[in-house]
Amino acid sequence: MQTYLFIGGGKDGLSITAPDGAESVQLSRETYIRDTFAVGDYAYITFYRHEELTPEEVLDHMVKHYDAWAHLQPGGRQ
């Protein structure tokens, strides 16, 4: 089993162990669907998104969290 990032729902932002190759995972009455974000041919991350989020909403969610994280870093954007 490997650890994956969970996006959306009650487990948002947590890295949780999931069975290898599982297309979906049920956690605390919430269903998360396995998805992949790829850049080019070789760079990608596999994560689980809450079943109510579309891939577009996941990307928007990731960008907002990254922006907030960058602002909180020492010397981060103002």
C-alpha atoms as a PDB file:
ATOM      1  CA  MET A   1       0.000   0.000   0.000  1.00  0.00           C
ATOM      2  CA  GLN A   2       1.101   3.525  -0.792  1.00  0.00           C
ATOM      3  CA  THR A   3       0.221   6.949   0.635  1.00  0.00           C
ATOM      4  CA  TYR A   4      -1.851   9.277  -1.547  1.00  0.00           C
ATOM      5  CA  LEU A   5      -3.044  12.864  -1.250  1.00  0.00           C
ATOM      6  CA  PHE A   6      -6.796  13.189  -0.667  1.00  0.00           C
ATOM      7  CA  ILE A   7      -8.522  16.275  -2.075  1.00  0.00           C
ATOM      8  CA  GLY A   8     -11.918  17.544  -0.946  1.00  0.00           C
ATOM      9  CA  GLY A   9     -14.351  16.304   1.673  1.00  0.00           C
ATOM     10  CA  GLY A  10     -13.422  15.654   5.286  1.00  0.00           C
ATOM     11  CA  LYS A  11      -9.982  14.238   4.421  1.00  0.00           C
ATOM     12  CA  ASP A  12      -8.913  17.244   2.316  1.00  0.00           C
ATOM     13  CA  GLY A  13      -5.156  17.759   2.257  1.00  0.00           C
ATOM     14  CA  LEU A  14      -4.324  14.561   4.135  1.00  0.00           C
ATOM     15  CA  SER A  15      -1.961  11.874   2.892  1.00  0.00           C
ATOM     16  CA  ILE A  16      -3.563   8.513   3.608  1.00  0.00           C
ATOM     17  CA  THR A  17      -2.538   4.962   2.792  1.00  0.00           C
ATOM     18  CA  ALA A  18      -4.749   3.346   0.154  1.00  0.00           C
ATOM     19  CA  PRO A  19      -4.699  -0.094  -1.464  1.00  0.00           C
ATOM     20  CA  ASP A  20      -2.551  -0.251  -4.609  1.00  0.00           C
ATOM     21  CA  GLY A  21      -4.633   0.220  -7.744  1.00  0.00           C
ATOM     22  CA  ALA A  22      -7.931   0.870  -5.949  1.00  0.00           C
ATOM     23  CA  GLU A  23     -10.170   2.938  -8.257  1.00  0.00           C
ATOM     24  CA  SER A  24     -12.073   4.329  -5.270  1.00  0.00           C
ATOM     25  CA  VAL A  25     -11.791   4.376  -1.487  1.00  0.00           C
ATOM     26  CA  GLN A  26     -14.556   4.697   1.110  1.00  0.00           C
ATOM     27  CA  LEU A  27     -13.498   6.724   4.191  1.00  0.00           C
ATOM     28  CA  SER A  28     -15.881   7.944   6.901  1.00  0.00           C
ATOM     29  CA  ARG A  29     -18.913   7.512   4.621  1.00  0.00           C
ATOM     30  CA  GLU A  30     -17.230   9.542   1.875  1.00  0.00           C
ATOM     31  CA  THR A  31     -16.105   8.131  -1.447  1.00  0.00           C
ATOM     32  CA  TYR A  32     -12.850   9.249  -3.036  1.00  0.00           C
ATOM     33  CA  ILE A  33     -12.010   8.473  -6.654  1.00  0.00           C
ATOM     34  CA  ARG A  34      -8.478   7.753  -7.868  1.00  0.00           C
ATOM     35  CA  ASP A  35      -7.252  10.327 -10.389  1.00  0.00           C
ATOM     36  CA  THR A  36      -3.977  11.465 -11.934  1.00  0.00           C
ATOM     37  CA  PHE A  37      -2.617  14.927 -12.642  1.00  0.00           C
ATOM     38  CA  ALA A  38      -0.021  14.839 -15.418  1.00  0.00           C
ATOM     39  CA  VAL A  39       2.348  17.424 -16.855  1.00  0.00           C
ATOM     40  CA  GLY A  40       3.938  16.227 -20.057  1.00  0.00           C
ATOM     41  CA  ASP A  41       4.719  12.577 -20.652  1.00  0.00           C
ATOM     42  CA  TYR A  42       6.625  11.682 -17.492  1.00  0.00           C
ATOM     43  CA  ALA A  43       5.657  13.943 -14.590  1.00  0.00           C
ATOM     44  CA  TYR A  44       2.481  13.006 -12.747  1.00  0.00           C
ATOM     45  CA  ILE A  45       0.934  12.534  -9.314  1.00  0.00           C
ATOM     46  CA  THR A  46      -1.821  10.130  -8.380  1.00  0.00           C
ATOM     47  CA  PHE A  47      -4.339  11.295  -5.778  1.00  0.00           C
ATOM     48  CA  TYR A  48      -7.879  10.628  -4.598  1.00  0.00           C
ATOM     49  CA  ARG A  49     -10.543  13.290  -5.152  1.00  0.00           C
ATOM     50  CA  HIS A  50     -13.853  13.544  -3.329  1.00  0.00           C
ATOM     51  CA  GLU A  51     -16.592  12.097  -5.514  1.00  0.00           C
ATOM     52  CA  GLU A  52     -18.428  15.445  -5.712  1.00  0.00           C
ATOM     53  CA  LEU A  53     -15.444  17.298  -7.213  1.00  0.00           C
ATOM     54  CA  THR A  54     -14.841  17.495 -10.942  1.00  0.00           C
ATOM     55  CA  PRO A  55     -11.243  17.380 -12.232  1.00  0.00           C
ATOM     56  CA  GLU A  56     -11.481  21.133 -12.959  1.00  0.00           C
ATOM     57  CA  GLU A  57     -12.542  21.842  -9.365  1.00  0.00           C
ATOM     58  CA  VAL A  58      -9.639  19.734  -8.091  1.00  0.00           C
ATOM     59  CA  LEU A  59      -7.149  21.778 -10.104  1.00  0.00           C
ATOM     60  CA  ASP A  60      -8.690  25.024  -8.850  1.00  0.00           C
ATOM     61  CA  HIS A  61      -8.549  23.686  -5.286  1.00  0.00           C
ATOM     62  CA  MET A  62      -4.863  22.734  -5.648  1.00  0.00           C
ATOM     63  CA  VAL A  63      -3.934  26.162  -7.046  1.00  0.00           C
ATOM     64  CA  LYS A  64      -5.712  27.986  -4.198  1.00  0.00           C
ATOM     65  CA  HIS A  65      -4.026  25.819  -1.551  1.00  0.00           C
ATOM     66  CA  TYR A  66      -0.600  26.312  -3.153  1.00  0.00           C
ATOM     67  CA  ASP A  67      -1.133  30.075  -3.289  1.00  0.00           C
ATOM     68  CA  ALA A  68      -2.107  30.149   0.413  1.00  0.00           C
ATOM     69  CA  TRP A  69       0.872  27.938   1.302  1.00  0.00           C
ATOM     70  CA  ALA A  70       3.270  30.208  -0.620  1.00  0.00           C
ATOM     71  CA  HIS A  71       2.010  33.276   1.265  1.00  0.00           C
ATOM     72  CA  LEU A  72       2.664  31.594   4.619  1.00  0.00           C
ATOM     73  CA  GLN A  73       6.296  30.676   3.889  1.00  0.00           C
ATOM     74  CA  PRO A  74       9.089  32.852   5.323  1.00  0.00           C
ATOM     75  CA  GLY A  75       9.749  35.505   2.714  1.00  0.00           C
ATOM     76  CA  GLY A  76       6.623  34.378   0.857  1.00  0.00           C
ATOM     77  CA  ARG A  77       4.623  36.518  -1.518  1.00  0.00           C
ATOM     78  CA  GLN A  78       2.873  39.510   0.013  1.00  0.00           C
END
